Amino acid sequence: MKGRIVDGEARDRLIIWIRRRMEEFGITIQALADSIQHDLDHPPLYRDARGNEWNGLGDHPHWLRAAQNAGVDPEFFRVEQPPARESANVRVDGTRRDPRQLDLFDRL
């Protein structure tokens, strides 16, 4: 495998790169954890085709204002919320499924 990076080595290189960027920009592990938790607590409510997101906090972002000014209803960009965790383990026929035996083709 000369000249190819195996998965473990690629992972190690990525971790080193991330640590260097964090140090370069003064990002601490705690700041990263806080940011991740904030994102989990405030999931995006709106998303456009380019991946821009807005969680409804603060002013409307430029991309959403531009779409509104062009006559597009903001509801067009609303993100569908995932089902509640409890109902995620119930199939359409009412039977329960074991989440440990998830089949990628198994429909709820």
PDB file of N, CA and C in Angstrom:
ATOM      1  N   MET A   1       0.832  -1.195   0.000  1.00  0.00           N
ATOM      2  CA  MET A   1       0.000   0.000   0.000  1.00  0.00           C
ATOM      3  C   MET A   1       0.875   1.257   0.000  1.00  0.00           C
ATOM      4  N   LYS A   2       1.958   1.191  -0.686  1.00  0.00           N
ATOM      5  CA  LYS A   2       2.858   2.327  -0.758  1.00  0.00           C
ATOM      6  C   LYS A   2       2.177   3.502  -1.451  1.00  0.00           C
ATOM      7  N   GLY A   3       2.260   4.673  -0.837  1.00  0.00           N
ATOM      8  CA  GLY A   3       1.672   5.866  -1.421  1.00  0.00           C
ATOM      9  C   GLY A   3       0.221   6.107  -1.041  1.00  0.00           C
ATOM     10  N   ARG A   4      -0.400   5.175  -0.368  1.00  0.00           N
ATOM     11  CA  ARG A   4      -1.810   5.345   0.039  1.00  0.00           C
ATOM     12  C   ARG A   4      -1.877   5.532   1.549  1.00  0.00           C
ATOM     13  N   ILE A   5      -2.810   6.337   1.963  1.00  0.00           N
ATOM     14  CA  ILE A   5      -3.013   6.574   3.391  1.00  0.00           C
ATOM     15  C   ILE A   5      -4.114   5.645   3.864  1.00  0.00           C
ATOM     16  N   VAL A   6      -3.815   4.836   4.863  1.00  0.00           N
ATOM     17  CA  VAL A   6      -4.839   3.957   5.413  1.00  0.00           C
ATOM     18  C   VAL A   6      -5.740   4.771   6.334  1.00  0.00           C
ATOM     19  N   ASP A   7      -6.943   4.248   6.594  1.00  0.00           N
ATOM     20  CA  ASP A   7      -7.938   4.989   7.372  1.00  0.00           C
ATOM     21  C   ASP A   7      -7.409   5.480   8.715  1.00  0.00           C
ATOM     22  N   GLY A   8      -6.702   4.647   9.439  1.00  0.00           N
ATOM     23  CA  GLY A   8      -6.188   5.040  10.752  1.00  0.00           C
ATOM     24  C   GLY A   8      -5.226   6.209  10.659  1.00  0.00           C
ATOM     25  N   GLU A   9      -4.369   6.177   9.653  1.00  0.00           N
ATOM     26  CA  GLU A   9      -3.411   7.259   9.466  1.00  0.00           C
ATOM     27  C   GLU A   9      -4.123   8.548   9.044  1.00  0.00           C
ATOM     28  N   ALA A  10      -5.121   8.437   8.179  1.00  0.00           N
ATOM     29  CA  ALA A  10      -5.883   9.611   7.754  1.00  0.00           C
ATOM     30  C   ALA A  10      -6.575  10.241   8.961  1.00  0.00           C
ATOM     31  N   ARG A  11      -7.128   9.410   9.821  1.00  0.00           N
ATOM     32  CA  ARG A  11      -7.792   9.901  11.032  1.00  0.00           C
ATOM     33  C   ARG A  11      -6.805  10.648  11.920  1.00  0.00           C
ATOM     34  N   ASP A  12      -5.623  10.059  12.114  1.00  0.00           N
ATOM     35  CA  ASP A  12      -4.606  10.698  12.951  1.00  0.00           C
ATOM     36  C   ASP A  12      -4.166  12.031  12.372  1.00  0.00           C
ATOM     37  N   ARG A  13      -3.983  12.079  11.060  1.00  0.00           N
ATOM     38  CA  ARG A  13      -3.590  13.340  10.414  1.00  0.00           C
ATOM     39  C   ARG A  13      -4.681  14.393  10.556  1.00  0.00           C
ATOM     40  N   LEU A  14      -5.933  13.969  10.435  1.00  0.00           N
ATOM     41  CA  LEU A  14      -7.050  14.906  10.578  1.00  0.00           C
ATOM     42  C   LEU A  14      -7.105  15.467  11.993  1.00  0.00           C
ATOM     43  N   ILE A  15      -6.910  14.621  12.981  1.00  0.00           N
ATOM     44  CA  ILE A  15      -6.921  15.082  14.382  1.00  0.00           C
ATOM     45  C   ILE A  15      -5.814  16.101  14.607  1.00  0.00           C
ATOM     46  N   ILE A  16      -4.629  15.828  14.091  1.00  0.00           N
ATOM     47  CA  ILE A  16      -3.517  16.774  14.234  1.00  0.00           C
ATOM     48  C   ILE A  16      -3.865  18.099  13.569  1.00  0.00           C
ATOM     49  N   TRP A  17      -4.440  18.037  12.359  1.00  0.00           N
ATOM     50  CA  TRP A  17      -4.819  19.269  11.651  1.00  0.00           C
ATOM     51  C   TRP A  17      -5.848  20.059  12.440  1.00  0.00           C
ATOM     52  N   ILE A  18      -6.861  19.371  12.976  1.00  0.00           N
ATOM     53  CA  ILE A  18      -7.907  20.051  13.749  1.00  0.00           C
ATOM     54  C   ILE A  18      -7.314  20.692  14.994  1.00  0.00           C
ATOM     55  N   ARG A  19      -6.453  19.976  15.693  1.00  0.00           N
ATOM     56  CA  ARG A  19      -5.830  20.541  16.911  1.00  0.00           C
ATOM     57  C   ARG A  19      -5.009  21.787  16.582  1.00  0.00           C
ATOM     58  N   ARG A  20      -4.301  21.762  15.477  1.00  0.00           N
ATOM     59  CA  ARG A  20      -3.508  22.934  15.076  1.00  0.00           C
ATOM     60  C   ARG A  20      -4.411  24.119  14.737  1.00  0.00           C
ATOM     61  N   ARG A  21      -5.511  23.879  14.024  1.00  0.00           N
ATOM     62  CA  ARG A  21      -6.427  24.970  13.692  1.00  0.00           C
ATOM     63  C   ARG A  21      -7.073  25.525  14.960  1.00  0.00           C
ATOM     64  N   MET A  22      -7.437  24.652  15.885  1.00  0.00           N
ATOM     65  CA  MET A  22      -8.029  25.114  17.142  1.00  0.00           C
ATOM     66  C   MET A  22      -7.046  25.996  17.901  1.00  0.00           C
ATOM     67  N   GLU A  23      -5.782  25.578  17.933  1.00  0.00           N
ATOM     68  CA  GLU A  23      -4.760  26.372  18.610  1.00  0.00           C
ATOM     69  C   GLU A  23      -4.544  27.701  17.886  1.00  0.00           C
ATOM     70  N   GLU A  24      -4.521  27.648  16.568  1.00  0.00           N
ATOM     71  CA  GLU A  24      -4.311  28.839  15.750  1.00  0.00           C
ATOM     72  C   GLU A  24      -5.393  29.885  15.990  1.00  0.00           C
ATOM     73  N   PHE A  25      -6.637  29.443  16.142  1.00  0.00           N
ATOM     74  CA  PHE A  25      -7.750  30.370  16.307  1.00  0.00           C
ATOM     75  C   PHE A  25      -8.179  30.533  17.764  1.00  0.00           C
ATOM     76  N   GLY A  26      -7.454  29.908  18.685  1.00  0.00           N
ATOM     77  CA  GLY A  26      -7.754  30.061  20.103  1.00  0.00           C
ATOM     78  C   GLY A  26      -9.055  29.398  20.531  1.00  0.00           C
ATOM     79  N   ILE A  27      -9.396  28.292  19.907  1.00  0.00           N
ATOM     80  CA  ILE A  27     -10.624  27.576  20.244  1.00  0.00           C
ATOM     81  C   ILE A  27     -10.301  26.510  21.277  1.00  0.00           C
ATOM     82  N   THR A  28     -10.988  26.560  22.399  1.00  0.00           N
ATOM     83  CA  THR A  28     -10.768  25.570  23.448  1.00  0.00           C
ATOM     84  C   THR A  28     -11.746  24.407  23.280  1.00  0.00           C
ATOM     85  N   ILE A  29     -11.426  23.309  23.928  1.00  0.00           N
ATOM     86  CA  ILE A  29     -12.319  22.148  23.902  1.00  0.00           C
ATOM     87  C   ILE A  29     -13.666  22.533  24.507  1.00  0.00           C
ATOM     88  N   GLN A  30     -13.641  23.330  25.573  1.00  0.00           N
ATOM     89  CA  GLN A  30     -14.887  23.749  26.215  1.00  0.00           C
ATOM     90  C   GLN A  30     -15.728  24.618  25.285  1.00  0.00           C
ATOM     91  N   ALA A  31     -15.083  25.527  24.554  1.00  0.00           N
ATOM     92  CA  ALA A  31     -15.823  26.362  23.606  1.00  0.00           C
ATOM     93  C   ALA A  31     -16.437  25.505  22.506  1.00  0.00           C
ATOM     94  N   LEU A  32     -15.708  24.504  22.054  1.00  0.00           N
ATOM     95  CA  LEU A  32     -16.224  23.597  21.033  1.00  0.00           C
ATOM     96  C   LEU A  32     -17.415  22.804  21.573  1.00  0.00           C
ATOM     97  N   ALA A  33     -17.291  22.287  22.789  1.00  0.00           N
ATOM     98  CA  ALA A  33     -18.382  21.535  23.412  1.00  0.00           C
ATOM     99  C   ALA A  33     -19.607  22.419  23.609  1.00  0.00           C
ATOM    100  N   ASP A  34     -19.395  23.666  24.044  1.00  0.00           N
ATOM    101  CA  ASP A  34     -20.508  24.598  24.236  1.00  0.00           C
ATOM    102  C   ASP A  34     -21.211  24.899  22.908  1.00  0.00           C
ATOM    103  N   SER A  35     -20.430  25.060  21.847  1.00  0.00           N
ATOM    104  CA  SER A  35     -21.010  25.334  20.538  1.00  0.00           C
ATOM    105  C   SER A  35     -21.829  24.154  20.034  1.00  0.00           C
ATOM    106  N   ILE A  36     -21.303  22.961  20.222  1.00  0.00           N
ATOM    107  CA  ILE A  36     -22.041  21.760  19.814  1.00  0.00           C
ATOM    108  C   ILE A  36     -23.339  21.648  20.602  1.00  0.00           C
ATOM    109  N   GLN A  37     -23.277  21.900  21.915  1.00  0.00           N
ATOM    110  CA  GLN A  37     -24.479  21.822  22.735  1.00  0.00           C
ATOM    111  C   GLN A  37     -25.500  22.875  22.316  1.00  0.00           C
ATOM    112  N   HIS A  38     -25.035  24.072  21.987  1.00  0.00           N
ATOM    113  CA  HIS A  38     -25.940  25.122  21.518  1.00  0.00           C
ATOM    114  C   HIS A  38     -26.651  24.688  20.243  1.00  0.00           C
ATOM    115  N   ASP A  39     -25.886  24.091  19.323  1.00  0.00           N
ATOM    116  CA  ASP A  39     -26.488  23.612  18.075  1.00  0.00           C
ATOM    117  C   ASP A  39     -27.513  22.514  18.338  1.00  0.00           C
ATOM    118  N   LEU A  40     -27.228  21.646  19.307  1.00  0.00           N
ATOM    119  CA  LEU A  40     -28.180  20.584  19.650  1.00  0.00           C
ATOM    120  C   LEU A  40     -29.435  21.158  20.302  1.00  0.00           C
ATOM    121  N   ASP A  41     -29.256  22.180  21.124  1.00  0.00           N
ATOM    122  CA  ASP A  41     -30.391  22.808  21.811  1.00  0.00           C
ATOM    123  C   ASP A  41     -31.234  23.670  20.884  1.00  0.00           C
ATOM    124  N   HIS A  42     -30.631  24.186  19.814  1.00  0.00           N
ATOM    125  CA  HIS A  42     -31.318  25.073  18.875  1.00  0.00           C
ATOM    126  C   HIS A  42     -31.123  24.574  17.450  1.00  0.00           C
ATOM    127  N   PRO A  43     -31.796  23.492  17.066  1.00  0.00           N
ATOM    128  CA  PRO A  43     -31.623  22.967  15.711  1.00  0.00           C
ATOM    129  C   PRO A  43     -32.141  23.957  14.673  1.00  0.00           C
ATOM    130  N   PRO A  44     -31.645  23.859  13.444  1.00  0.00           N
ATOM    131  CA  PRO A  44     -32.089  24.799  12.418  1.00  0.00           C
ATOM    132  C   PRO A  44     -33.569  24.642  12.104  1.00  0.00           C
ATOM    133  N   LEU A  45     -34.230  25.772  11.921  1.00  0.00           N
ATOM    134  CA  LEU A  45     -35.639  25.775  11.532  1.00  0.00           C
ATOM    135  C   LEU A  45     -35.787  25.996  10.032  1.00  0.00           C
ATOM    136  N   TYR A  46     -34.787  26.648   9.434  1.00  0.00           N
ATOM    137  CA  TYR A  46     -34.821  26.973   8.011  1.00  0.00           C
ATOM    138  C   TYR A  46     -33.483  26.605   7.379  1.00  0.00           C
ATOM    139  N   ARG A  47     -33.529  26.113   6.127  1.00  0.00           N
ATOM    140  CA  ARG A  47     -32.311  25.755   5.397  1.00  0.00           C
ATOM    141  C   ARG A  47     -32.556  25.959   3.908  1.00  0.00           C
ATOM    142  N   ASP A  48     -31.569  26.565   3.239  1.00  0.00           N
ATOM    143  CA  ASP A  48     -31.708  26.736   1.797  1.00  0.00           C
ATOM    144  C   ASP A  48     -30.912  25.660   1.060  1.00  0.00           C
ATOM    145  N   ALA A  49     -30.956  25.699  -0.261  1.00  0.00           N
ATOM    146  CA  ALA A  49     -30.306  24.674  -1.071  1.00  0.00           C
ATOM    147  C   ALA A  49     -28.788  24.709  -0.962  1.00  0.00           C
ATOM    148  N   ARG A  50     -28.235  25.822  -0.551  1.00  0.00           N
ATOM    149  CA  ARG A  50     -26.783  25.934  -0.403  1.00  0.00           C
ATOM    150  C   ARG A  50     -26.294  25.499   0.968  1.00  0.00           C
ATOM    151  N   GLY A  51     -27.219  25.114   1.843  1.00  0.00           N
ATOM    152  CA  GLY A  51     -26.833  24.650   3.172  1.00  0.00           C
ATOM    153  C   GLY A  51     -26.825  25.731   4.231  1.00  0.00           C
ATOM    154  N   ASN A  52     -27.205  26.962   3.864  1.00  0.00           N
ATOM    155  CA  ASN A  52     -27.324  28.018   4.869  1.00  0.00           C
ATOM    156  C   ASN A  52     -28.462  27.664   5.804  1.00  0.00           C
ATOM    157  N   GLU A  53     -28.255  27.866   7.092  1.00  0.00           N
ATOM    158  CA  GLU A  53     -29.265  27.515   8.083  1.00  0.00           C
ATOM    159  C   GLU A  53     -29.534  28.689   9.011  1.00  0.00           C
ATOM    160  N   TRP A  54     -30.721  28.663   9.587  1.00  0.00           N
ATOM    161  CA  TRP A  54     -31.096  29.651  10.597  1.00  0.00           C
ATOM    162  C   TRP A  54     -31.994  28.959  11.605  1.00  0.00           C
ATOM    163  N   ASN A  55     -31.679  29.160  12.887  1.00  0.00           N
ATOM    164  CA  ASN A  55     -32.436  28.495  13.946  1.00  0.00           C
ATOM    165  C   ASN A  55     -33.542  29.363  14.522  1.00  0.00           C
ATOM    166  N   GLY A  56     -33.788  30.497  13.919  1.00  0.00           N
ATOM    167  CA  GLY A  56     -34.864  31.364  14.382  1.00  0.00           C
ATOM    168  C   GLY A  56     -34.438  32.370  15.435  1.00  0.00           C
ATOM    169  N   LEU A  57     -33.199  32.295  15.886  1.00  0.00           N
ATOM    170  CA  LEU A  57     -32.702  33.236  16.887  1.00  0.00           C
ATOM    171  C   LEU A  57     -32.029  34.413  16.201  1.00  0.00           C
ATOM    172  N   GLY A  58     -32.272  35.606  16.710  1.00  0.00           N
ATOM    173  CA  GLY A  58     -31.645  36.788  16.143  1.00  0.00           C
ATOM    174  C   GLY A  58     -32.333  37.266  14.878  1.00  0.00           C
ATOM    175  N   ASP A  59     -31.659  38.167  14.187  1.00  0.00           N
ATOM    176  CA  ASP A  59     -32.206  38.733  12.957  1.00  0.00           C
ATOM    177  C   ASP A  59     -32.262  37.684  11.848  1.00  0.00           C
ATOM    178  N   HIS A  60     -33.194  37.918  10.902  1.00  0.00           N
ATOM    179  CA  HIS A  60     -33.261  37.042   9.732  1.00  0.00           C
ATOM    180  C   HIS A  60     -31.930  37.127   8.991  1.00  0.00           C
ATOM    181  N   PRO A  61     -31.378  36.001   8.556  1.00  0.00           N
ATOM    182  CA  PRO A  61     -30.119  36.044   7.802  1.00  0.00           C
ATOM    183  C   PRO A  61     -30.339  36.639   6.409  1.00  0.00           C
ATOM    184  N   HIS A  62     -29.264  37.088   5.824  1.00  0.00           N
ATOM    185  CA  HIS A  62     -29.319  37.746   4.513  1.00  0.00           C
ATOM    186  C   HIS A  62     -29.994  36.862   3.463  1.00  0.00           C
ATOM    187  N   TRP A  63     -29.638  35.570   3.426  1.00  0.00           N
ATOM    188  CA  TRP A  63     -30.181  34.684   2.394  1.00  0.00           C
ATOM    189  C   TRP A  63     -31.691  34.540   2.510  1.00  0.00           C
ATOM    190  N   LEU A  64     -32.222  34.560   3.750  1.00  0.00           N
ATOM    191  CA  LEU A  64     -33.663  34.432   3.932  1.00  0.00           C
ATOM    192  C   LEU A  64     -34.374  35.746   3.601  1.00  0.00           C
ATOM    193  N   ARG A  65     -33.763  36.865   3.979  1.00  0.00           N
ATOM    194  CA  ARG A  65     -34.338  38.176   3.627  1.00  0.00           C
ATOM    195  C   ARG A  65     -34.374  38.355   2.114  1.00  0.00           C
ATOM    196  N   ALA A  66     -33.296  37.939   1.433  1.00  0.00           N
ATOM    197  CA  ALA A  66     -33.240  38.065  -0.023  1.00  0.00           C
ATOM    198  C   ALA A  66     -34.338  37.222  -0.673  1.00  0.00           C
ATOM    199  N   ALA A  67     -34.552  36.034  -0.151  1.00  0.00           N
ATOM    200  CA  ALA A  67     -35.608  35.169  -0.698  1.00  0.00           C
ATOM    201  C   ALA A  67     -36.981  35.793  -0.465  1.00  0.00           C
ATOM    202  N   GLN A  68     -37.195  36.360   0.721  1.00  0.00           N
ATOM    203  CA  GLN A  68     -38.475  37.030   1.012  1.00  0.00           C
ATOM    204  C   GLN A  68     -38.688  38.215   0.076  1.00  0.00           C
ATOM    205  N   ASN A  69     -37.641  38.989  -0.139  1.00  0.00           N
ATOM    206  CA  ASN A  69     -37.747  40.143  -1.038  1.00  0.00           C
ATOM    207  C   ASN A  69     -38.039  39.719  -2.469  1.00  0.00           C
ATOM    208  N   ALA A  70     -37.658  38.498  -2.820  1.00  0.00           N
ATOM    209  CA  ALA A  70     -37.927  37.971  -4.155  1.00  0.00           C
ATOM    210  C   ALA A  70     -39.309  37.330  -4.238  1.00  0.00           C
ATOM    211  N   GLY A  71     -40.038  37.354  -3.115  1.00  0.00           N
ATOM    212  CA  GLY A  71     -41.400  36.829  -3.109  1.00  0.00           C
ATOM    213  C   GLY A  71     -41.535  35.375  -2.677  1.00  0.00           C
ATOM    214  N   VAL A  72     -40.480  34.795  -2.141  1.00  0.00           N
ATOM    215  CA  VAL A  72     -40.536  33.402  -1.694  1.00  0.00           C
ATOM    216  C   VAL A  72     -41.003  33.364  -0.240  1.00  0.00           C
ATOM    217  N   ASP A  73     -41.976  32.520   0.029  1.00  0.00           N
ATOM    218  CA  ASP A  73     -42.485  32.338   1.386  1.00  0.00           C
ATOM    219  C   ASP A  73     -41.414  31.662   2.238  1.00  0.00           C
ATOM    220  N   PRO A  74     -41.062  32.224   3.399  1.00  0.00           N
ATOM    221  CA  PRO A  74     -40.045  31.608   4.258  1.00  0.00           C
ATOM    222  C   PRO A  74     -40.373  30.158   4.640  1.00  0.00           C
ATOM    223  N   GLU A  75     -41.646  29.818   4.663  1.00  0.00           N
ATOM    224  CA  GLU A  75     -42.032  28.452   5.011  1.00  0.00           C
ATOM    225  C   GLU A  75     -41.510  27.437   3.998  1.00  0.00           C
ATOM    226  N   PHE A  76     -41.181  27.897   2.803  1.00  0.00           N
ATOM    227  CA  PHE A  76     -40.594  27.021   1.792  1.00  0.00           C
ATOM    228  C   PHE A  76     -39.280  26.430   2.285  1.00  0.00           C
ATOM    229  N   PHE A  77     -38.564  27.177   3.143  1.00  0.00           N
ATOM    230  CA  PHE A  77     -37.255  26.762   3.638  1.00  0.00           C
ATOM    231  C   PHE A  77     -37.325  26.043   4.985  1.00  0.00           C
ATOM    232  N   ARG A  78     -38.529  25.892   5.528  1.00  0.00           N
ATOM    233  CA  ARG A  78     -38.654  25.269   6.850  1.00  0.00           C
ATOM    234  C   ARG A  78     -38.170  23.828   6.804  1.00  0.00           C
ATOM    235  N   VAL A  79     -37.377  23.467   7.818  1.00  0.00           N
ATOM    236  CA  VAL A  79     -36.823  22.124   7.939  1.00  0.00           C
ATOM    237  C   VAL A  79     -37.846  21.235   8.633  1.00  0.00           C
ATOM    238  N   GLU A  80     -38.062  20.059   8.084  1.00  0.00           N
ATOM    239  CA  GLU A  80     -38.972  19.105   8.717  1.00  0.00           C
ATOM    240  C   GLU A  80     -38.300  18.559   9.964  1.00  0.00           C
ATOM    241  N   GLN A  81     -38.990  18.619  11.076  1.00  0.00           N
ATOM    242  CA  GLN A  81     -38.429  18.143  12.333  1.00  0.00           C
ATOM    243  C   GLN A  81     -38.518  16.623  12.404  1.00  0.00           C
ATOM    244  N   PRO A  82     -37.483  15.977  12.962  1.00  0.00           N
ATOM    245  CA  PRO A  82     -37.530  14.520  13.085  1.00  0.00           C
ATOM    246  C   PRO A  82     -38.605  14.099  14.083  1.00  0.00           C
ATOM    247  N   PRO A  83     -39.114  12.864  13.967  1.00  0.00           N
ATOM    248  CA  PRO A  83     -40.140  12.409  14.902  1.00  0.00           C
ATOM    249  C   PRO A  83     -39.580  12.294  16.309  1.00  0.00           C
ATOM    250  N   ALA A  84     -40.463  12.343  17.287  1.00  0.00           N
ATOM    251  CA  ALA A  84     -40.042  12.198  18.683  1.00  0.00           C
ATOM    252  C   ALA A  84     -39.392  10.842  18.868  1.00  0.00           C
ATOM    253  N   ARG A  85     -38.448  10.746  19.795  1.00  0.00           N
ATOM    254  CA  ARG A  85     -37.698   9.508  20.002  1.00  0.00           C
ATOM    255  C   ARG A  85     -38.599   8.318  20.327  1.00  0.00           C
ATOM    256  N   GLU A  86     -39.599   8.511  21.142  1.00  0.00           N
ATOM    257  CA  GLU A  86     -40.459   7.400  21.532  1.00  0.00           C
ATOM    258  C   GLU A  86     -41.193   6.832  20.330  1.00  0.00           C
ATOM    259  N   SER A  87     -41.710   7.688  19.468  1.00  0.00           N
ATOM    260  CA  SER A  87     -42.452   7.201  18.312  1.00  0.00           C
ATOM    261  C   SER A  87     -41.530   6.634  17.243  1.00  0.00           C
ATOM    262  N   ALA A  88     -40.238   6.915  17.328  1.00  0.00           N
ATOM    263  CA  ALA A  88     -39.298   6.415  16.331  1.00  0.00           C
ATOM    264  C   ALA A  88     -39.129   4.904  16.420  1.00  0.00           C
ATOM    265  N   ASN A  89     -39.472   4.303  17.543  1.00  0.00           N
ATOM    266  CA  ASN A  89     -39.331   2.862  17.713  1.00  0.00           C
ATOM    267  C   ASN A  89     -40.629   2.112  17.455  1.00  0.00           C
ATOM    268  N   VAL A  90     -41.626   2.787  16.896  1.00  0.00           N
ATOM    269  CA  VAL A  90     -42.912   2.152  16.608  1.00  0.00           C
ATOM    270  C   VAL A  90     -43.101   2.117  15.102  1.00  0.00           C
ATOM    271  N   ARG A  91     -43.380   0.937  14.573  1.00  0.00           N
ATOM    272  CA  ARG A  91     -43.614   0.783  13.130  1.00  0.00           C
ATOM    273  C   ARG A  91     -45.003   1.286  12.773  1.00  0.00           C
ATOM    274  N   VAL A  92     -45.243   1.408  11.479  1.00  0.00           N
ATOM    275  CA  VAL A  92     -46.535   1.855  10.981  1.00  0.00           C
ATOM    276  C   VAL A  92     -47.649   0.923  11.453  1.00  0.00           C
ATOM    277  N   ASP A  93     -47.352  -0.374  11.521  1.00  0.00           N
ATOM    278  CA  ASP A  93     -48.374  -1.338  11.944  1.00  0.00           C
ATOM    279  C   ASP A  93     -48.578  -1.369  13.453  1.00  0.00           C
ATOM    280  N   GLY A  94     -47.862  -0.528  14.198  1.00  0.00           N
ATOM    281  CA  GLY A  94     -48.040  -0.431  15.645  1.00  0.00           C
ATOM    282  C   GLY A  94     -47.098  -1.294  16.461  1.00  0.00           C
ATOM    283  N   THR A  95     -46.367  -2.202  15.816  1.00  0.00           N
ATOM    284  CA  THR A  95     -45.428  -3.043  16.553  1.00  0.00           C
ATOM    285  C   THR A  95     -44.179  -2.248  16.888  1.00  0.00           C
ATOM    286  N   ARG A  96     -43.533  -2.639  17.968  1.00  0.00           N
ATOM    287  CA  ARG A  96     -42.304  -1.958  18.384  1.00  0.00           C
ATOM    288  C   ARG A  96     -41.108  -2.639  17.746  1.00  0.00           C
ATOM    289  N   ARG A  97     -40.071  -1.871  17.488  1.00  0.00           N
ATOM    290  CA  ARG A  97     -38.855  -2.460  16.953  1.00  0.00           C
ATOM    291  C   ARG A  97     -37.708  -2.164  17.902  1.00  0.00           C
ATOM    292  N   ASP A  98     -36.759  -3.056  17.925  1.00  0.00           N
ATOM    293  CA  ASP A  98     -35.573  -2.905  18.757  1.00  0.00           C
ATOM    294  C   ASP A  98     -34.580  -2.033  17.992  1.00  0.00           C
ATOM    295  N   PRO A  99     -34.229  -0.840  18.511  1.00  0.00           N
ATOM    296  CA  PRO A  99     -33.334   0.056  17.775  1.00  0.00           C
ATOM    297  C   PRO A  99     -31.949  -0.548  17.554  1.00  0.00           C
ATOM    298  N   ARG A 100     -31.592  -1.565  18.334  1.00  0.00           N
ATOM    299  CA  ARG A 100     -30.290  -2.208  18.138  1.00  0.00           C
ATOM    300  C   ARG A 100     -30.283  -3.081  16.894  1.00  0.00           C
ATOM    301  N   GLN A 101     -31.451  -3.372  16.362  1.00  0.00           N
ATOM    302  CA  GLN A 101     -31.545  -4.210  15.179  1.00  0.00           C
ATOM    303  C   GLN A 101     -32.053  -3.399  13.993  1.00  0.00           C
ATOM    304  N   LEU A 102     -31.519  -2.213  13.864  1.00  0.00           N
ATOM    305  CA  LEU A 102     -31.947  -1.306  12.812  1.00  0.00           C
ATOM    306  C   LEU A 102     -31.587  -1.865  11.439  1.00  0.00           C
ATOM    307  N   ASP A 103     -32.562  -1.936  10.592  1.00  0.00           N
ATOM    308  CA  ASP A 103     -32.359  -2.344   9.209  1.00  0.00           C
ATOM    309  C   ASP A 103     -32.524  -1.080   8.372  1.00  0.00           C
ATOM    310  N   LEU A 104     -31.556  -0.769   7.548  1.00  0.00           N
ATOM    311  CA  LEU A 104     -31.598   0.456   6.768  1.00  0.00           C
ATOM    312  C   LEU A 104     -32.823   0.527   5.860  1.00  0.00           C
ATOM    313  N   PHE A 105     -33.401  -0.603   5.543  1.00  0.00           N
ATOM    314  CA  PHE A 105     -34.555  -0.625   4.664  1.00  0.00           C
ATOM    315  C   PHE A 105     -35.851  -0.802   5.426  1.00  0.00           C
ATOM    316  N   ASP A 106     -35.781  -0.847   6.737  1.00  0.00           N
ATOM    317  CA  ASP A 106     -36.956  -1.020   7.575  1.00  0.00           C
ATOM    318  C   ASP A 106     -37.677   0.315   7.707  1.00  0.00           C
ATOM    319  N   ARG A 107     -38.912   0.359   7.307  1.00  0.00           N
ATOM    320  CA  ARG A 107     -39.686   1.595   7.417  1.00  0.00           C
ATOM    321  C   ARG A 107     -40.379   1.633   8.756  1.00  0.00           C
ATOM    322  N   LEU A 108     -40.541   2.834   9.282  1.00  0.00           N
ATOM    323  CA  LEU A 108     -41.288   2.998  10.539  1.00  0.00           C
ATOM    324  C   LEU A 108     -42.747   2.817  10.287  1.00  0.00           C
TER     325      LEU A 108
END
